[in-house]
């Protein structure tokens, strides 16, 4: 991974699961979010399925490597993890600041948020990327 990358976590729920699935390569957070958090090409995103996501519950299925941002949509290359990362590991691994964001992710303002690189890599751990 190149130095200077920024790290994020995106929350996927039931509402848009068919039109924008986790492995679909794009994520459209709420209007105006992209410019506010500074996500751009080269960013790395933990792709998290909320409890409402069909077939998966409260786990990170993969990593998205941001290719480009157009309007309010983030386009990424999907890289599946060999095994999902459950919320319990995320809570254990994340820094206190990032843990607070996860705790409040059910609120609209925390559907896509930046995390520290140490939180990101601790959560991914030794899992292989497919």
C-alpha atoms as a PDB file:
ATOM      1  CA  UNK A   1       0.000   0.000   0.000  1.00  0.00           C
ATOM      2  CA  UNK A   2       1.357   3.374  -0.901  1.00  0.00           C
ATOM      3  CA  UNK A   3       2.320   5.792   1.812  1.00  0.00           C
ATOM      4  CA  UNK A   4      -0.115   8.611   2.425  1.00  0.00           C
ATOM      5  CA  UNK A   5      -3.279   6.587   1.789  1.00  0.00           C
ATOM      6  CA  UNK A   6      -6.336   7.550   3.791  1.00  0.00           C
ATOM      7  CA  UNK A   7      -8.593   4.958   5.380  1.00  0.00           C
ATOM      8  CA  UNK A   8     -12.363   4.806   5.715  1.00  0.00           C
ATOM      9  CA  UNK A   9     -15.273   2.612   6.711  1.00  0.00           C
ATOM     10  CA  UNK A  10     -18.485   2.466   4.670  1.00  0.00           C
ATOM     11  CA  UNK A  11     -21.718   1.059   6.069  1.00  0.00           C
ATOM     12  CA  UNK A  12     -23.969  -0.982   3.780  1.00  0.00           C
ATOM     13  CA  UNK A  13     -27.547  -1.744   4.820  1.00  0.00           C
ATOM     14  CA  UNK A  14     -30.670  -3.319   3.414  1.00  0.00           C
ATOM     15  CA  UNK A  15     -32.054  -0.162   1.799  1.00  0.00           C
ATOM     16  CA  UNK A  16     -29.733  -0.163  -1.246  1.00  0.00           C
ATOM     17  CA  UNK A  17     -28.398  -3.735  -1.114  1.00  0.00           C
ATOM     18  CA  UNK A  18     -29.749  -4.735  -4.527  1.00  0.00           C
ATOM     19  CA  UNK A  19     -28.690  -1.610  -6.442  1.00  0.00           C
ATOM     20  CA  UNK A  20     -25.376  -1.084  -4.624  1.00  0.00           C
ATOM     21  CA  UNK A  21     -24.158  -4.347  -3.054  1.00  0.00           C
ATOM     22  CA  UNK A  22     -20.901  -4.447  -1.126  1.00  0.00           C
ATOM     23  CA  UNK A  23     -19.107  -6.242  -3.955  1.00  0.00           C
ATOM     24  CA  UNK A  24     -20.642  -3.971  -6.609  1.00  0.00           C
ATOM     25  CA  UNK A  25     -17.769  -1.516  -6.809  1.00  0.00           C
ATOM     26  CA  UNK A  26     -19.599   1.677  -5.910  1.00  0.00           C
ATOM     27  CA  UNK A  27     -20.971   3.394  -2.828  1.00  0.00           C
ATOM     28  CA  UNK A  28     -23.180   6.451  -2.689  1.00  0.00           C
ATOM     29  CA  UNK A  29     -23.339   7.963   0.757  1.00  0.00           C
ATOM     30  CA  UNK A  30     -25.685  10.762   1.585  1.00  0.00           C
ATOM     31  CA  UNK A  31     -25.532  13.970  -0.439  1.00  0.00           C
ATOM     32  CA  UNK A  32     -22.545  16.205   0.243  1.00  0.00           C
ATOM     33  CA  UNK A  33     -20.441  13.639   2.096  1.00  0.00           C
ATOM     34  CA  UNK A  34     -17.688  13.065  -0.403  1.00  0.00           C
ATOM     35  CA  UNK A  35     -16.213  16.546  -0.262  1.00  0.00           C
ATOM     36  CA  UNK A  36     -16.609  16.754   3.494  1.00  0.00           C
ATOM     37  CA  UNK A  37     -14.422  13.762   4.313  1.00  0.00           C
ATOM     38  CA  UNK A  38     -11.816  14.036   1.566  1.00  0.00           C
ATOM     39  CA  UNK A  39     -12.078  10.552   0.117  1.00  0.00           C
ATOM     40  CA  UNK A  40     -10.217  10.245  -3.179  1.00  0.00           C
ATOM     41  CA  UNK A  41      -8.345   7.864  -5.478  1.00  0.00           C
ATOM     42  CA  UNK A  42      -6.066   5.520  -3.570  1.00  0.00           C
ATOM     43  CA  UNK A  43      -8.129   5.585  -0.381  1.00  0.00           C
ATOM     44  CA  UNK A  44      -8.862   2.274   1.316  1.00  0.00           C
ATOM     45  CA  UNK A  45     -12.355   1.465   2.594  1.00  0.00           C
ATOM     46  CA  UNK A  46     -13.506  -1.231   5.006  1.00  0.00           C
ATOM     47  CA  UNK A  47     -16.807  -2.442   3.515  1.00  0.00           C
ATOM     48  CA  UNK A  48     -19.088  -3.183   6.471  1.00  0.00           C
ATOM     49  CA  UNK A  49     -22.486  -4.901   6.337  1.00  0.00           C
ATOM     50  CA  UNK A  50     -24.928  -3.626   8.938  1.00  0.00           C
ATOM     51  CA  UNK A  51     -27.357  -5.940  10.735  1.00  0.00           C
ATOM     52  CA  UNK A  52     -29.981  -5.236   8.067  1.00  0.00           C
ATOM     53  CA  UNK A  53     -27.775  -6.265   5.124  1.00  0.00           C
ATOM     54  CA  UNK A  54     -29.156  -9.440   3.466  1.00  0.00           C
ATOM     55  CA  UNK A  55     -27.057 -12.547   4.091  1.00  0.00           C
ATOM     56  CA  UNK A  56     -24.436 -10.859   6.269  1.00  0.00           C
ATOM     57  CA  UNK A  57     -24.695  -9.298   9.676  1.00  0.00           C
ATOM     58  CA  UNK A  58     -22.356  -6.825  11.313  1.00  0.00           C
ATOM     59  CA  UNK A  59     -19.134  -7.754   9.536  1.00  0.00           C
ATOM     60  CA  UNK A  60     -16.609  -6.424   7.044  1.00  0.00           C
ATOM     61  CA  UNK A  61     -16.633  -8.547   3.891  1.00  0.00           C
ATOM     62  CA  UNK A  62     -13.884  -6.828   1.986  1.00  0.00           C
ATOM     63  CA  UNK A  63     -11.781  -3.816   1.182  1.00  0.00           C
ATOM     64  CA  UNK A  64     -12.497  -1.228  -1.463  1.00  0.00           C
ATOM     65  CA  UNK A  65      -9.580   0.529  -3.116  1.00  0.00           C
ATOM     66  CA  UNK A  66     -10.906   3.845  -4.388  1.00  0.00           C
ATOM     67  CA  UNK A  67     -10.492   4.261  -8.159  1.00  0.00           C
ATOM     68  CA  UNK A  68     -12.289   7.581  -8.489  1.00  0.00           C
ATOM     69  CA  UNK A  69     -15.027   9.750  -7.069  1.00  0.00           C
ATOM     70  CA  UNK A  70     -17.744  11.159  -9.299  1.00  0.00           C
ATOM     71  CA  UNK A  71     -20.304  13.506  -7.823  1.00  0.00           C
ATOM     72  CA  UNK A  72     -21.387  11.879  -4.582  1.00  0.00           C
ATOM     73  CA  UNK A  73     -20.439   8.323  -5.576  1.00  0.00           C
ATOM     74  CA  UNK A  74     -17.248   6.491  -4.636  1.00  0.00           C
ATOM     75  CA  UNK A  75     -16.086   3.869  -7.147  1.00  0.00           C
ATOM     76  CA  UNK A  76     -13.738   1.183  -5.901  1.00  0.00           C
ATOM     77  CA  UNK A  77     -12.105  -2.138  -6.747  1.00  0.00           C
ATOM     78  CA  UNK A  78     -13.627  -4.736  -4.460  1.00  0.00           C
ATOM     79  CA  UNK A  79     -11.214  -7.122  -2.759  1.00  0.00           C
ATOM     80  CA  UNK A  80     -12.896  -9.860  -0.744  1.00  0.00           C
ATOM     81  CA  UNK A  81     -11.326 -10.921   2.523  1.00  0.00           C
ATOM     82  CA  UNK A  82     -10.735 -14.629   2.984  1.00  0.00           C
ATOM     83  CA  UNK A  83     -12.835 -14.436   6.149  1.00  0.00           C
ATOM     84  CA  UNK A  84     -15.165 -11.646   7.312  1.00  0.00           C
ATOM     85  CA  UNK A  85     -14.197  -9.314  10.152  1.00  0.00           C
ATOM     86  CA  UNK A  86     -16.921  -9.352  12.823  1.00  0.00           C
ATOM     87  CA  UNK A  87     -17.937  -6.217  14.701  1.00  0.00           C
ATOM     88  CA  UNK A  88     -16.403  -7.616  17.915  1.00  0.00           C
ATOM     89  CA  UNK A  89     -12.920  -7.539  16.333  1.00  0.00           C
ATOM     90  CA  UNK A  90     -13.515  -4.053  14.971  1.00  0.00           C
ATOM     91  CA  UNK A  91     -14.448  -2.840  18.449  1.00  0.00           C
ATOM     92  CA  UNK A  92     -11.323  -4.462  19.929  1.00  0.00           C
ATOM     93  CA  UNK A  93      -8.968  -3.147  17.254  1.00  0.00           C
ATOM     94  CA  UNK A  94     -10.136   0.378  16.640  1.00  0.00           C
ATOM     95  CA  UNK A  95      -8.626   3.359  18.434  1.00  0.00           C
ATOM     96  CA  UNK A  96     -10.898   5.066  21.005  1.00  0.00           C
ATOM     97  CA  UNK A  97     -11.786   7.824  18.515  1.00  0.00           C
ATOM     98  CA  UNK A  98     -12.681   5.326  15.785  1.00  0.00           C
ATOM     99  CA  UNK A  99     -14.574   3.153  18.293  1.00  0.00           C
ATOM    100  CA  UNK A 100     -16.784   6.170  19.039  1.00  0.00           C
ATOM    101  CA  UNK A 101     -17.548   6.533  15.337  1.00  0.00           C
ATOM    102  CA  UNK A 102     -18.513   2.855  15.140  1.00  0.00           C
ATOM    103  CA  UNK A 103     -20.673   3.213  18.229  1.00  0.00           C
ATOM    104  CA  UNK A 104     -22.596   6.021  16.499  1.00  0.00           C
ATOM    105  CA  UNK A 105     -22.660   4.596  12.970  1.00  0.00           C
ATOM    106  CA  UNK A 106     -26.388   3.956  13.105  1.00  0.00           C
ATOM    107  CA  UNK A 107     -26.885   7.701  12.824  1.00  0.00           C
ATOM    108  CA  UNK A 108     -26.813   9.193   9.309  1.00  0.00           C
ATOM    109  CA  UNK A 109     -23.700  11.242   9.899  1.00  0.00           C
ATOM    110  CA  UNK A 110     -21.646   8.095  10.364  1.00  0.00           C
ATOM    111  CA  UNK A 111     -22.412   6.080   7.209  1.00  0.00           C
ATOM    112  CA  UNK A 112     -19.002   6.754   5.670  1.00  0.00           C
ATOM    113  CA  UNK A 113     -16.212   7.943   7.901  1.00  0.00           C
ATOM    114  CA  UNK A 114     -12.453   8.158   8.082  1.00  0.00           C
ATOM    115  CA  UNK A 115     -10.534   5.830  10.385  1.00  0.00           C
ATOM    116  CA  UNK A 116      -6.900   5.764  11.417  1.00  0.00           C
ATOM    117  CA  UNK A 117      -4.562   3.476   9.510  1.00  0.00           C
ATOM    118  CA  UNK A 118      -3.818   1.541  12.717  1.00  0.00           C
ATOM    119  CA  UNK A 119      -7.540   0.803  13.158  1.00  0.00           C
ATOM    120  CA  UNK A 120      -7.893  -0.273   9.539  1.00  0.00           C
ATOM    121  CA  UNK A 121      -4.912  -2.647   9.515  1.00  0.00           C
ATOM    122  CA  UNK A 122      -5.624  -4.075  12.964  1.00  0.00           C
ATOM    123  CA  UNK A 123      -9.155  -5.009  11.824  1.00  0.00           C
ATOM    124  CA  UNK A 124      -7.910  -6.598   8.600  1.00  0.00           C
ATOM    125  CA  UNK A 125      -5.174  -8.410  10.518  1.00  0.00           C
ATOM    126  CA  UNK A 126      -3.615 -11.377   8.757  1.00  0.00           C
ATOM    127  CA  UNK A 127      -6.652 -12.066   6.555  1.00  0.00           C
ATOM    128  CA  UNK A 128      -5.755 -12.716   2.971  1.00  0.00           C
ATOM    129  CA  UNK A 129      -7.359 -10.613   0.284  1.00  0.00           C
ATOM    130  CA  UNK A 130      -8.859 -12.603  -2.578  1.00  0.00           C
END
